Structure formats: C-alpha cells, structure tokens
Amino acid sequence: MRHFIKRYGDGRNCLREGLPLRVNGRVNGELNGVRIDDQDLHCYVVTADGRTYTAISRIPSSLGWHMQGLVPVGTVISWLFALPREGAVNGFSLTGGVLNYTAEVSYPSSGDRATIQFMFKGMDVFDYLKADVTISGTVPPIPKGAKIKVEDNSQEFSHSQPGFISAQSRHSYEVEGSGSPPVVYSVQETIEWDGCLEESRRTMRHLASRNFIIYDDNEGIVRYAMTSSMSPLEGEADHCREVNCGPNGLCMVVEGGHKCDC
C-alpha cells in the first residue's frame, strides 16, 4: 500500500502537513524615538494547531515595555499558518511564503501611529521561512513592569483581486492593574504577492485566541503568541461577494457591511 504525504502551499513552495516550522529574519526601524538596528526575529509555528510564537530580541527596556502594545506584530505569522476550517485556506497556501505585508496601526485616544512591514522571501535550504521587518512610528507608553491583556479577536481578510488581500479592524488591549480604560487601536492591513487570475477570491475570517504578549526585561525579548484559525465568510456575511467596485476599486469587508477603496 502506498502512503501519500500531505502537503500544503501554493504549488511552488509546499510544506509537509503537521510539521513545526521556524521563521527567521531581521528587524529594523525606529519606534518611540528608539532605533531598532538589525535585531533578531525568531518565530516558531506549531502548524498542527495554528499556534504561533513570535519573538524580537535585543530590545532595550526603554522600548520593550511599550512594544507590547504593537499587537499586530504577530498577526501576519498567524495568518500564514492559521488552522484552516470549513474549506478555508491559510496565507501560506495562497502565497507560498513569498509576500509583502503592511499594517498601519493607529491609536485614536493618544494620536499615536505605527507602521509594520514584513517582506517574506520564501523558504531557505533548511526549510526556514525568511523575513525582513521594518517598524516605524510611535505607540502609547506602557509602564515598566506592566503586562497587557488581549482578548480573542477576529479580522475579515478580503481577497479583492489576484495577489491582493486587505483587512480593516478595530481592537483593544488592557494594561493589567492600571485601572485605566482599554487602549483602542485600529489596523489597516494589506498583503501583496504574485497571484494568479484563477485564485478563488473569498473573504476569510481570521480568529486569534489565547493571545499572550510579554516583554522579558532580563533577556530583552518581546514575545507575541496566539492560536489562529481561518474560516470562510458565506452568504450575507461576505458583503464583498457580489459587489463591483469598478476597475480601480477594491472591496473590503468592514463591520456591518463593505467599503470600496481606490
């Protein structure tokens, strides 16, 4: 009897189902006036259950506590390897791990804004996914020694044209023990890759649960962990399914409906 090994990917880059995966890269930029120069990015992915662990090392305490509030740092890794449900596909199955991701994060109560950019370069000879990251802008301050709490949350990623996916969402986190109201932030995300015309363009709901974010002052590491799944929006829930935004427009599912962007 022949046994077939199940794999997933875009047909050019494929991975064996169920095997853990590592993502390595470098992080550069400037956040809250503190330079980030060629720091290490390490991610570990438990693909069997969609659990991702993302760590940025050699971050000084003058920045590390505040970086906890840059919650979307872990989003794109979890989108790539979310556990597919009900016929959905995760990001790696679409892109093969070669893509550009941008998140524009805004905090309306403080006026802070930050940008996160990932450039994924595919698998290396050791089957590690390689990525370069750039971070810029400002985030609200978080007191030294404080931890944050992030509830389960979801985003609707709209696949509006070949090789292009976008999402717009609004979330919050709490600084534990501060007595302050939750810090609300909005995220505008775009994902671009070398897509093909035959792609099935459906809106997918990305659910992130068991979120855990912490700064380890002793080791100088900011850690982001979450468990993610992906499921399709069907029928009336996918407001972009029957929408035509014109030749220069892109449809995006937003809370309670849709909007067309140029």
C-alpha atoms as a PDB file:
ATOM      1  CA  MET A   1       0.000   0.000   0.000  1.00  0.00           C
ATOM      2  CA  ARG A   2       1.329   3.429  -0.920  1.00  0.00           C
ATOM      3  CA  HIS A   3       1.176   6.200   1.648  1.00  0.00           C
ATOM      4  CA  PHE A   4       0.890   9.756   0.361  1.00  0.00           C
ATOM      5  CA  ILE A   5       2.420  12.612   2.329  1.00  0.00           C
ATOM      6  CA  LYS A   6       0.003  15.505   2.662  1.00  0.00           C
ATOM      7  CA  ARG A   7       1.424  18.916   1.839  1.00  0.00           C
ATOM      8  CA  TYR A   8       0.119  22.463   1.618  1.00  0.00           C
ATOM      9  CA  GLY A   9       1.316  25.549  -0.226  1.00  0.00           C
ATOM     10  CA  ASP A  10       0.875  27.457  -3.476  1.00  0.00           C
ATOM     11  CA  GLY A  11       2.266  24.748  -5.773  1.00  0.00           C
ATOM     12  CA  ARG A  12       5.701  26.357  -5.928  1.00  0.00           C
ATOM     13  CA  ASN A  13       6.556  26.292  -2.224  1.00  0.00           C
ATOM     14  CA  CYS A  14       4.967  23.487  -0.224  1.00  0.00           C
ATOM     15  CA  LEU A  15       5.316  22.191   3.317  1.00  0.00           C
ATOM     16  CA  ARG A  16       4.533  18.860   4.868  1.00  0.00           C
ATOM     17  CA  GLU A  17       1.359  18.965   6.953  1.00  0.00           C
ATOM     18  CA  GLY A  18       1.725  18.859  10.718  1.00  0.00           C
ATOM     19  CA  LEU A  19       5.449  19.622  10.917  1.00  0.00           C
ATOM     20  CA  PRO A  20       6.560  22.571  13.102  1.00  0.00           C
ATOM     21  CA  LEU A  21       8.113  25.491  11.252  1.00  0.00           C
ATOM     22  CA  ARG A  22      10.572  28.268  12.046  1.00  0.00           C
ATOM     23  CA  VAL A  23      10.678  31.820  10.698  1.00  0.00           C
ATOM     24  CA  ASN A  24      13.900  33.823  10.997  1.00  0.00           C
ATOM     25  CA  GLY A  25      14.826  37.334   9.976  1.00  0.00           C
ATOM     26  CA  ARG A  26      15.968  40.822  10.913  1.00  0.00           C
ATOM     27  CA  VAL A  27      14.092  43.796  12.342  1.00  0.00           C
ATOM     28  CA  ASN A  28      14.994  47.433  11.671  1.00  0.00           C
ATOM     29  CA  GLY A  29      13.391  50.834  12.133  1.00  0.00           C
ATOM     30  CA  GLU A  30      12.588  53.343  14.857  1.00  0.00           C
ATOM     31  CA  LEU A  31       9.769  53.282  17.399  1.00  0.00           C
ATOM     32  CA  ASN A  32       9.087  55.962  20.025  1.00  0.00           C
ATOM     33  CA  GLY A  33      12.390  57.577  19.095  1.00  0.00           C
ATOM     34  CA  VAL A  34      14.426  54.420  19.818  1.00  0.00           C
ATOM     35  CA  ARG A  35      16.407  52.879  16.964  1.00  0.00           C
ATOM     36  CA  ILE A  36      15.944  49.200  16.111  1.00  0.00           C
ATOM     37  CA  ASP A  37      19.054  48.143  14.234  1.00  0.00           C
ATOM     38  CA  ASP A  38      19.355  44.657  12.751  1.00  0.00           C
ATOM     39  CA  GLN A  39      17.689  42.894  15.669  1.00  0.00           C
ATOM     40  CA  ASP A  40      16.686  39.236  15.517  1.00  0.00           C
ATOM     41  CA  LEU A  41      13.247  37.926  14.568  1.00  0.00           C
ATOM     42  CA  HIS A  42      12.500  34.336  15.586  1.00  0.00           C
ATOM     43  CA  CYS A  43       9.156  32.585  15.167  1.00  0.00           C
ATOM     44  CA  TYR A  44       8.122  29.057  15.986  1.00  0.00           C
ATOM     45  CA  VAL A  45       4.926  27.673  14.463  1.00  0.00           C
ATOM     46  CA  VAL A  46       3.016  24.633  15.693  1.00  0.00           C
ATOM     47  CA  THR A  47       1.211  24.098  12.401  1.00  0.00           C
ATOM     48  CA  ALA A  48      -0.921  21.219  13.709  1.00  0.00           C
ATOM     49  CA  ASP A  49      -2.978  23.566  15.907  1.00  0.00           C
ATOM     50  CA  GLY A  50      -2.253  27.040  14.461  1.00  0.00           C
ATOM     51  CA  ARG A  51      -0.186  28.194  17.449  1.00  0.00           C
ATOM     52  CA  THR A  52       2.482  30.803  16.643  1.00  0.00           C
ATOM     53  CA  TYR A  53       5.249  32.258  18.791  1.00  0.00           C
ATOM     54  CA  THR A  54       6.958  35.418  17.553  1.00  0.00           C
ATOM     55  CA  ALA A  55       9.930  36.988  19.342  1.00  0.00           C
ATOM     56  CA  ILE A  56      12.018  40.094  18.663  1.00  0.00           C
ATOM     57  CA  SER A  57      15.251  40.069  20.633  1.00  0.00           C
ATOM     58  CA  ARG A  58      17.830  42.601  21.837  1.00  0.00           C
ATOM     59  CA  ILE A  59      15.174  45.241  22.520  1.00  0.00           C
ATOM     60  CA  PRO A  60      16.170  47.688  25.315  1.00  0.00           C
ATOM     61  CA  SER A  61      13.855  48.298  28.262  1.00  0.00           C
ATOM     62  CA  SER A  62      13.407  51.896  27.091  1.00  0.00           C
ATOM     63  CA  LEU A  63      11.306  50.446  24.258  1.00  0.00           C
ATOM     64  CA  GLY A  64      10.431  46.856  25.149  1.00  0.00           C
ATOM     65  CA  TRP A  65       7.568  47.590  27.560  1.00  0.00           C
ATOM     66  CA  HIS A  66       5.899  49.881  25.022  1.00  0.00           C
ATOM     67  CA  MET A  67       6.297  47.359  22.170  1.00  0.00           C
ATOM     68  CA  GLN A  68       3.817  45.084  23.905  1.00  0.00           C
ATOM     69  CA  GLY A  69       1.124  47.442  22.596  1.00  0.00           C
ATOM     70  CA  LEU A  70       2.164  46.836  18.984  1.00  0.00           C
ATOM     71  CA  VAL A  71      -0.120  43.799  18.971  1.00  0.00           C
ATOM     72  CA  PRO A  72      -0.331  43.285  15.163  1.00  0.00           C
ATOM     73  CA  VAL A  73       3.357  42.264  15.018  1.00  0.00           C
ATOM     74  CA  GLY A  74       2.181  38.679  15.453  1.00  0.00           C
ATOM     75  CA  THR A  75      -0.777  38.849  13.062  1.00  0.00           C
ATOM     76  CA  VAL A  76       0.827  38.047   9.715  1.00  0.00           C
ATOM     77  CA  ILE A  77       2.645  34.951  11.009  1.00  0.00           C
ATOM     78  CA  SER A  78      -0.636  33.676  12.434  1.00  0.00           C
ATOM     79  CA  TRP A  79      -2.447  34.494   9.151  1.00  0.00           C
ATOM     80  CA  LEU A  80       0.121  32.482   7.218  1.00  0.00           C
ATOM     81  CA  PHE A  81      -0.274  29.394   9.388  1.00  0.00           C
ATOM     82  CA  ALA A  82      -3.817  29.645  10.766  1.00  0.00           C
ATOM     83  CA  LEU A  83      -5.610  26.329  11.067  1.00  0.00           C
ATOM     84  CA  PRO A  84      -7.993  26.094   8.059  1.00  0.00           C
ATOM     85  CA  ARG A  85     -11.629  25.237   8.800  1.00  0.00           C
ATOM     86  CA  GLU A  86     -14.668  24.608   6.580  1.00  0.00           C
ATOM     87  CA  GLY A  87     -12.705  24.637   3.343  1.00  0.00           C
ATOM     88  CA  ALA A  88     -10.749  27.807   4.082  1.00  0.00           C
ATOM     89  CA  VAL A  89      -7.100  28.283   3.129  1.00  0.00           C
ATOM     90  CA  ASN A  90      -4.406  29.978   5.163  1.00  0.00           C
ATOM     91  CA  GLY A  91      -1.904  32.521   3.930  1.00  0.00           C
ATOM     92  CA  PHE A  92       0.881  30.078   3.150  1.00  0.00           C
ATOM     93  CA  SER A  93      -1.418  28.071   0.882  1.00  0.00           C
ATOM     94  CA  LEU A  94      -2.062  31.268  -1.099  1.00  0.00           C
ATOM     95  CA  THR A  95       1.406  32.802  -1.173  1.00  0.00           C
ATOM     96  CA  GLY A  96       3.932  30.029  -0.612  1.00  0.00           C
ATOM     97  CA  GLY A  97       5.628  32.327   1.897  1.00  0.00           C
ATOM     98  CA  VAL A  98       6.655  34.977  -0.645  1.00  0.00           C
ATOM     99  CA  LEU A  99       4.736  38.184   0.055  1.00  0.00           C
ATOM    100  CA  ASN A 100       4.757  41.744   1.364  1.00  0.00           C
ATOM    101  CA  TYR A 101       2.628  42.671   4.377  1.00  0.00           C
ATOM    102  CA  THR A 102       1.897  46.152   5.715  1.00  0.00           C
ATOM    103  CA  ALA A 103      -0.069  47.094   8.835  1.00  0.00           C
ATOM    104  CA  GLU A 104      -0.954  50.715   9.599  1.00  0.00           C
ATOM    105  CA  VAL A 105      -1.814  50.879  13.306  1.00  0.00           C
ATOM    106  CA  SER A 106      -3.481  53.924  14.854  1.00  0.00           C
ATOM    107  CA  TYR A 107      -4.387  54.670  18.468  1.00  0.00           C
ATOM    108  CA  PRO A 108      -7.155  57.304  18.397  1.00  0.00           C
ATOM    109  CA  SER A 109      -7.063  58.235  22.092  1.00  0.00           C
ATOM    110  CA  SER A 110      -3.369  59.196  22.048  1.00  0.00           C
ATOM    111  CA  GLY A 111      -2.888  60.043  18.382  1.00  0.00           C
ATOM    112  CA  ASP A 112      -0.014  57.576  18.046  1.00  0.00           C
ATOM    113  CA  ARG A 113       0.526  55.809  14.720  1.00  0.00           C
ATOM    114  CA  ALA A 114       2.870  52.998  13.758  1.00  0.00           C
ATOM    115  CA  THR A 115       3.671  51.047  10.603  1.00  0.00           C
ATOM    116  CA  ILE A 116       4.753  47.402  10.450  1.00  0.00           C
ATOM    117  CA  GLN A 117       6.156  45.974   7.210  1.00  0.00           C
ATOM    118  CA  PHE A 118       7.130  42.352   6.609  1.00  0.00           C
ATOM    119  CA  MET A 119       8.890  41.151   3.465  1.00  0.00           C
ATOM    120  CA  PHE A 120       8.767  37.355   3.295  1.00  0.00           C
ATOM    121  CA  LYS A 121      11.351  35.816   0.967  1.00  0.00           C
ATOM    122  CA  GLY A 122      10.294  32.169   0.949  1.00  0.00           C
ATOM    123  CA  MET A 123      11.983  29.063   2.313  1.00  0.00           C
ATOM    124  CA  ASP A 124      15.746  28.637   2.639  1.00  0.00           C
ATOM    125  CA  VAL A 125      17.723  25.401   2.198  1.00  0.00           C
ATOM    126  CA  PHE A 126      16.955  24.441   5.808  1.00  0.00           C
ATOM    127  CA  ASP A 127      13.183  24.904   5.296  1.00  0.00           C
ATOM    128  CA  TYR A 128      13.152  28.045   7.433  1.00  0.00           C
ATOM    129  CA  LEU A 129      10.917  30.863   6.209  1.00  0.00           C
ATOM    130  CA  LYS A 130      12.947  34.079   5.845  1.00  0.00           C
ATOM    131  CA  ALA A 131      11.584  37.556   6.558  1.00  0.00           C
ATOM    132  CA  ASP A 132      12.755  41.150   6.930  1.00  0.00           C
ATOM    133  CA  VAL A 133      10.753  43.519   9.153  1.00  0.00           C
ATOM    134  CA  THR A 134      10.618  47.305   9.365  1.00  0.00           C
ATOM    135  CA  ILE A 135       8.843  49.104  12.225  1.00  0.00           C
ATOM    136  CA  SER A 136       8.320  52.867  12.494  1.00  0.00           C
ATOM    137  CA  GLY A 137       6.207  55.470  14.319  1.00  0.00           C
ATOM    138  CA  THR A 138       5.000  55.711  17.903  1.00  0.00           C
ATOM    139  CA  VAL A 139       2.839  53.663  20.277  1.00  0.00           C
ATOM    140  CA  PRO A 140       1.246  54.621  23.621  1.00  0.00           C
ATOM    141  CA  PRO A 141       3.571  54.215  26.629  1.00  0.00           C
ATOM    142  CA  ILE A 142       3.220  51.177  28.887  1.00  0.00           C
ATOM    143  CA  PRO A 143       4.667  51.424  32.427  1.00  0.00           C
ATOM    144  CA  LYS A 144       7.792  49.480  33.320  1.00  0.00           C
ATOM    145  CA  GLY A 145       6.902  46.036  34.630  1.00  0.00           C
ATOM    146  CA  ALA A 146       3.342  46.144  33.312  1.00  0.00           C
ATOM    147  CA  LYS A 147       1.690  43.407  31.273  1.00  0.00           C
ATOM    148  CA  ILE A 148      -1.146  43.714  28.793  1.00  0.00           C
ATOM    149  CA  LYS A 149      -4.224  41.595  28.228  1.00  0.00           C
ATOM    150  CA  VAL A 150      -5.556  40.961  24.715  1.00  0.00           C
ATOM    151  CA  GLU A 151      -8.942  39.290  24.278  1.00  0.00           C
ATOM    152  CA  ASP A 152      -9.843  36.920  21.447  1.00  0.00           C
ATOM    153  CA  ASN A 153     -10.375  38.890  18.246  1.00  0.00           C
ATOM    154  CA  SER A 154     -11.079  38.444  14.546  1.00  0.00           C
ATOM    155  CA  GLN A 155     -10.423  40.116  11.215  1.00  0.00           C
ATOM    156  CA  GLU A 156     -12.063  39.721   7.810  1.00  0.00           C
ATOM    157  CA  PHE A 157      -9.430  39.462   5.077  1.00  0.00           C
ATOM    158  CA  SER A 158     -10.976  40.425   1.727  1.00  0.00           C
ATOM    159  CA  HIS A 159      -9.379  38.828  -1.343  1.00  0.00           C
ATOM    160  CA  SER A 160     -10.453  41.522  -3.786  1.00  0.00           C
ATOM    161  CA  GLN A 161      -8.117  40.885  -6.719  1.00  0.00           C
ATOM    162  CA  PRO A 162      -5.355  38.448  -7.717  1.00  0.00           C
ATOM    163  CA  GLY A 163      -2.405  38.743  -5.366  1.00  0.00           C
ATOM    164  CA  PHE A 164      -4.029  41.310  -3.078  1.00  0.00           C
ATOM    165  CA  ILE A 165      -5.789  40.928   0.277  1.00  0.00           C
ATOM    166  CA  SER A 166      -6.810  43.654   2.710  1.00  0.00           C
ATOM    167  CA  ALA A 167      -8.437  43.980   6.116  1.00  0.00           C
ATOM    168  CA  GLN A 168      -9.632  46.756   8.376  1.00  0.00           C
ATOM    169  CA  SER A 169     -10.388  46.093  12.031  1.00  0.00           C
ATOM    170  CA  ARG A 170     -10.637  47.668  15.461  1.00  0.00           C
ATOM    171  CA  HIS A 171      -9.405  46.075  18.697  1.00  0.00           C
ATOM    172  CA  SER A 172      -8.200  46.914  22.184  1.00  0.00           C
ATOM    173  CA  TYR A 173      -5.882  45.794  24.959  1.00  0.00           C
ATOM    174  CA  GLU A 174      -5.811  46.425  28.698  1.00  0.00           C
ATOM    175  CA  VAL A 175      -2.784  47.323  30.793  1.00  0.00           C
ATOM    176  CA  GLU A 176      -3.217  44.960  33.734  1.00  0.00           C
ATOM    177  CA  GLY A 177      -3.529  46.559  37.152  1.00  0.00           C
ATOM    178  CA  SER A 178      -3.527  50.115  35.814  1.00  0.00           C
ATOM    179  CA  GLY A 179      -7.212  50.850  36.341  1.00  0.00           C
ATOM    180  CA  SER A 180      -7.171  52.667  33.009  1.00  0.00           C
ATOM    181  CA  PRO A 181      -9.753  52.036  30.275  1.00  0.00           C
ATOM    182  CA  PRO A 182      -8.770  49.703  27.423  1.00  0.00           C
ATOM    183  CA  VAL A 183      -6.456  51.130  24.771  1.00  0.00           C
ATOM    184  CA  VAL A 184      -8.316  51.051  21.453  1.00  0.00           C
ATOM    185  CA  TYR A 185      -6.388  50.697  18.207  1.00  0.00           C
ATOM    186  CA  SER A 186      -7.345  50.375  14.532  1.00  0.00           C
ATOM    187  CA  VAL A 187      -5.447  48.327  11.969  1.00  0.00           C
ATOM    188  CA  GLN A 188      -5.403  48.675   8.183  1.00  0.00           C
ATOM    189  CA  GLU A 189      -3.643  45.642   6.655  1.00  0.00           C
ATOM    190  CA  THR A 190      -2.601  44.854   3.095  1.00  0.00           C
ATOM    191  CA  ILE A 191      -0.987  41.690   1.747  1.00  0.00           C
ATOM    192  CA  GLU A 192       0.504  41.506  -1.750  1.00  0.00           C
ATOM    193  CA  TRP A 193       2.094  38.639  -3.656  1.00  0.00           C
ATOM    194  CA  ASP A 194       2.496  37.292  -7.182  1.00  0.00           C
ATOM    195  CA  GLY A 195      -1.028  35.914  -7.529  1.00  0.00           C
ATOM    196  CA  CYS A 196      -2.817  34.318 -10.450  1.00  0.00           C
ATOM    197  CA  LEU A 197      -6.141  35.014 -12.156  1.00  0.00           C
ATOM    198  CA  GLU A 198      -7.554  31.605 -11.170  1.00  0.00           C
ATOM    199  CA  GLU A 199      -7.424  32.319  -7.436  1.00  0.00           C
ATOM    200  CA  SER A 200     -10.684  31.806  -5.573  1.00  0.00           C
ATOM    201  CA  ARG A 201     -11.463  35.271  -4.213  1.00  0.00           C
ATOM    202  CA  ARG A 202     -13.323  34.778  -0.968  1.00  0.00           C
ATOM    203  CA  THR A 203     -13.349  36.712   2.274  1.00  0.00           C
ATOM    204  CA  MET A 204     -11.805  34.761   5.142  1.00  0.00           C
ATOM    205  CA  ARG A 205     -12.309  35.327   8.860  1.00  0.00           C
ATOM    206  CA  HIS A 206      -9.098  35.052  10.858  1.00  0.00           C
ATOM    207  CA  LEU A 207      -9.748  34.264  14.532  1.00  0.00           C
ATOM    208  CA  ALA A 208      -6.935  34.853  17.041  1.00  0.00           C
ATOM    209  CA  SER A 209      -7.331  33.361  20.514  1.00  0.00           C
ATOM    210  CA  ARG A 210      -5.176  32.643  23.562  1.00  0.00           C
ATOM    211  CA  ASN A 211      -3.237  35.845  22.920  1.00  0.00           C
ATOM    212  CA  PHE A 212      -0.164  36.253  25.092  1.00  0.00           C
ATOM    213  CA  ILE A 213       2.206  39.217  24.838  1.00  0.00           C
ATOM    214  CA  ILE A 214       5.037  39.971  27.234  1.00  0.00           C
ATOM    215  CA  TYR A 215       8.361  41.792  27.443  1.00  0.00           C
ATOM    216  CA  ASP A 216      11.171  39.847  29.118  1.00  0.00           C
ATOM    217  CA  ASP A 217      13.372  42.560  30.601  1.00  0.00           C
ATOM    218  CA  ASN A 218      16.143  40.155  31.619  1.00  0.00           C
ATOM    219  CA  GLU A 219      16.573  38.814  28.094  1.00  0.00           C
ATOM    220  CA  GLY A 220      15.468  41.919  26.184  1.00  0.00           C
ATOM    221  CA  ILE A 221      12.855  39.982  24.191  1.00  0.00           C
ATOM    222  CA  VAL A 222       9.311  40.982  23.222  1.00  0.00           C
ATOM    223  CA  ARG A 223       7.143  37.890  22.736  1.00  0.00           C
ATOM    224  CA  TYR A 224       3.834  37.595  20.859  1.00  0.00           C
ATOM    225  CA  ALA A 225       1.884  34.323  20.905  1.00  0.00           C
ATOM    226  CA  MET A 226      -1.563  33.352  19.628  1.00  0.00           C
ATOM    227  CA  THR A 227      -3.618  30.463  18.319  1.00  0.00           C
ATOM    228  CA  SER A 228      -5.331  31.129  14.992  1.00  0.00           C
ATOM    229  CA  SER A 229      -7.888  29.580  12.675  1.00  0.00           C
ATOM    230  CA  MET A 230      -9.275  30.593   9.286  1.00  0.00           C
ATOM    231  CA  SER A 231     -12.826  30.082   8.071  1.00  0.00           C
ATOM    232  CA  PRO A 232     -14.714  31.415   5.024  1.00  0.00           C
ATOM    233  CA  LEU A 233     -17.458  34.003   5.231  1.00  0.00           C
ATOM    234  CA  GLU A 234     -20.507  32.690   3.468  1.00  0.00           C
ATOM    235  CA  GLY A 235     -23.681  34.182   2.035  1.00  0.00           C
ATOM    236  CA  GLU A 236     -24.732  37.515   3.512  1.00  0.00           C
ATOM    237  CA  ALA A 237     -21.718  37.624   5.842  1.00  0.00           C
ATOM    238  CA  ASP A 238     -19.376  38.147   2.866  1.00  0.00           C
ATOM    239  CA  HIS A 239     -20.516  41.616   1.843  1.00  0.00           C
ATOM    240  CA  CYS A 240     -17.947  41.784  -0.982  1.00  0.00           C
ATOM    241  CA  ARG A 241     -19.061  38.617  -2.727  1.00  0.00           C
ATOM    242  CA  GLU A 242     -21.477  40.337  -5.142  1.00  0.00           C
ATOM    243  CA  VAL A 243     -20.013  43.867  -5.051  1.00  0.00           C
ATOM    244  CA  ASN A 244     -18.392  45.521  -8.063  1.00  0.00           C
ATOM    245  CA  CYS A 245     -16.218  48.470  -7.017  1.00  0.00           C
ATOM    246  CA  GLY A 246     -15.236  49.321 -10.582  1.00  0.00           C
ATOM    247  CA  PRO A 247     -11.967  48.782 -12.473  1.00  0.00           C
ATOM    248  CA  ASN A 248      -9.906  50.818  -9.981  1.00  0.00           C
ATOM    249  CA  GLY A 249     -11.748  49.906  -6.796  1.00  0.00           C
ATOM    250  CA  LEU A 250     -11.094  47.259  -4.148  1.00  0.00           C
ATOM    251  CA  CYS A 251     -13.835  45.888  -1.924  1.00  0.00           C
ATOM    252  CA  MET A 252     -13.134  45.429   1.773  1.00  0.00           C
ATOM    253  CA  VAL A 253     -15.403  43.787   4.353  1.00  0.00           C
ATOM    254  CA  VAL A 254     -15.852  46.076   7.345  1.00  0.00           C
ATOM    255  CA  GLU A 255     -18.049  45.823  10.400  1.00  0.00           C
ATOM    256  CA  GLY A 256     -21.646  45.588   9.285  1.00  0.00           C
ATOM    257  CA  GLY A 257     -21.016  45.896   5.547  1.00  0.00           C
ATOM    258  CA  HIS A 258     -18.362  46.772   2.997  1.00  0.00           C
ATOM    259  CA  LYS A 259     -16.478  49.720   1.517  1.00  0.00           C
ATOM    260  CA  CYS A 260     -14.734  50.376  -1.791  1.00  0.00           C
ATOM    261  CA  ASP A 261     -11.201  51.739  -1.772  1.00  0.00           C
ATOM    262  CA  CYS A 262      -9.204  53.073  -4.719  1.00  0.00           C
END
